[in-house]
Every structure is written in C-alpha cells, then in structure tokens.
Amino acid sequence: MPFGRSSNGSGFSDLFRTHTFITAGNLLTDYTYKTNRGIGQNLDRAIRNFRLSYGVGLALRLGGIARIELNYCVPIRAQTGDKVVPGLQLGVGVNFL
C-alpha cells in the first residue's frame, strides 16, 4: 500500500510502500529427513515442526531494479536450537530478470 500520495503521482512518498506479512517454513536437514522412513513420515515431521513469524515493514524503491526493506518481525514458532530474535531486520532485494 502506498505510504503517501503526492498531487501529481511522482513525489518522494511514491517511493515508499508499507506491508504486513506472515511467513512459515521449515528446513529438512539430514537430522530431520531420514531415508529409512517413508515420505509420509518425513513430511509429517516437517509439517509438525515448522517455523512461523509475522511482522510489518516499510519498503523503499530504488529505481526499477532494487528495494530496501525495514521490517519488524515477531517469531511465533521456532525449533530447538534456533536463535529467536524479535525486532528490526534490514533487507535488500534486486530484480535482475
């Protein structure tokens, strides 16, 4: 969603966007994925142990090729051994295709 809108549609505020997000996922390592188990057992283990977080952010568009994001993230679910750190995160993205 646009952060603000200028009268002619080409102002400084048109470079900014706000967003909210929810993200979930898991990594299958050699420890969690066992070849002696069936695909169903491995999939069930991956689904039961997923990670989950949500947050809000502000994105700055840099031309048509890049963006910088400042996000506030709140982890909800983690696995044993994860370093859970809620707070601000900075991200940079580049469109190269």
Foldseek 3Di string as FASTA:
>chain_A
DQPDADPVRDDPSRQKDKDKDKDKFFDCDCVLDDPVDDPVSSVVSRVVQMWIKIWMWMWGHDPPFKIKIKIFMDTDHHDPPDDGDTGIDIDMDTDDD
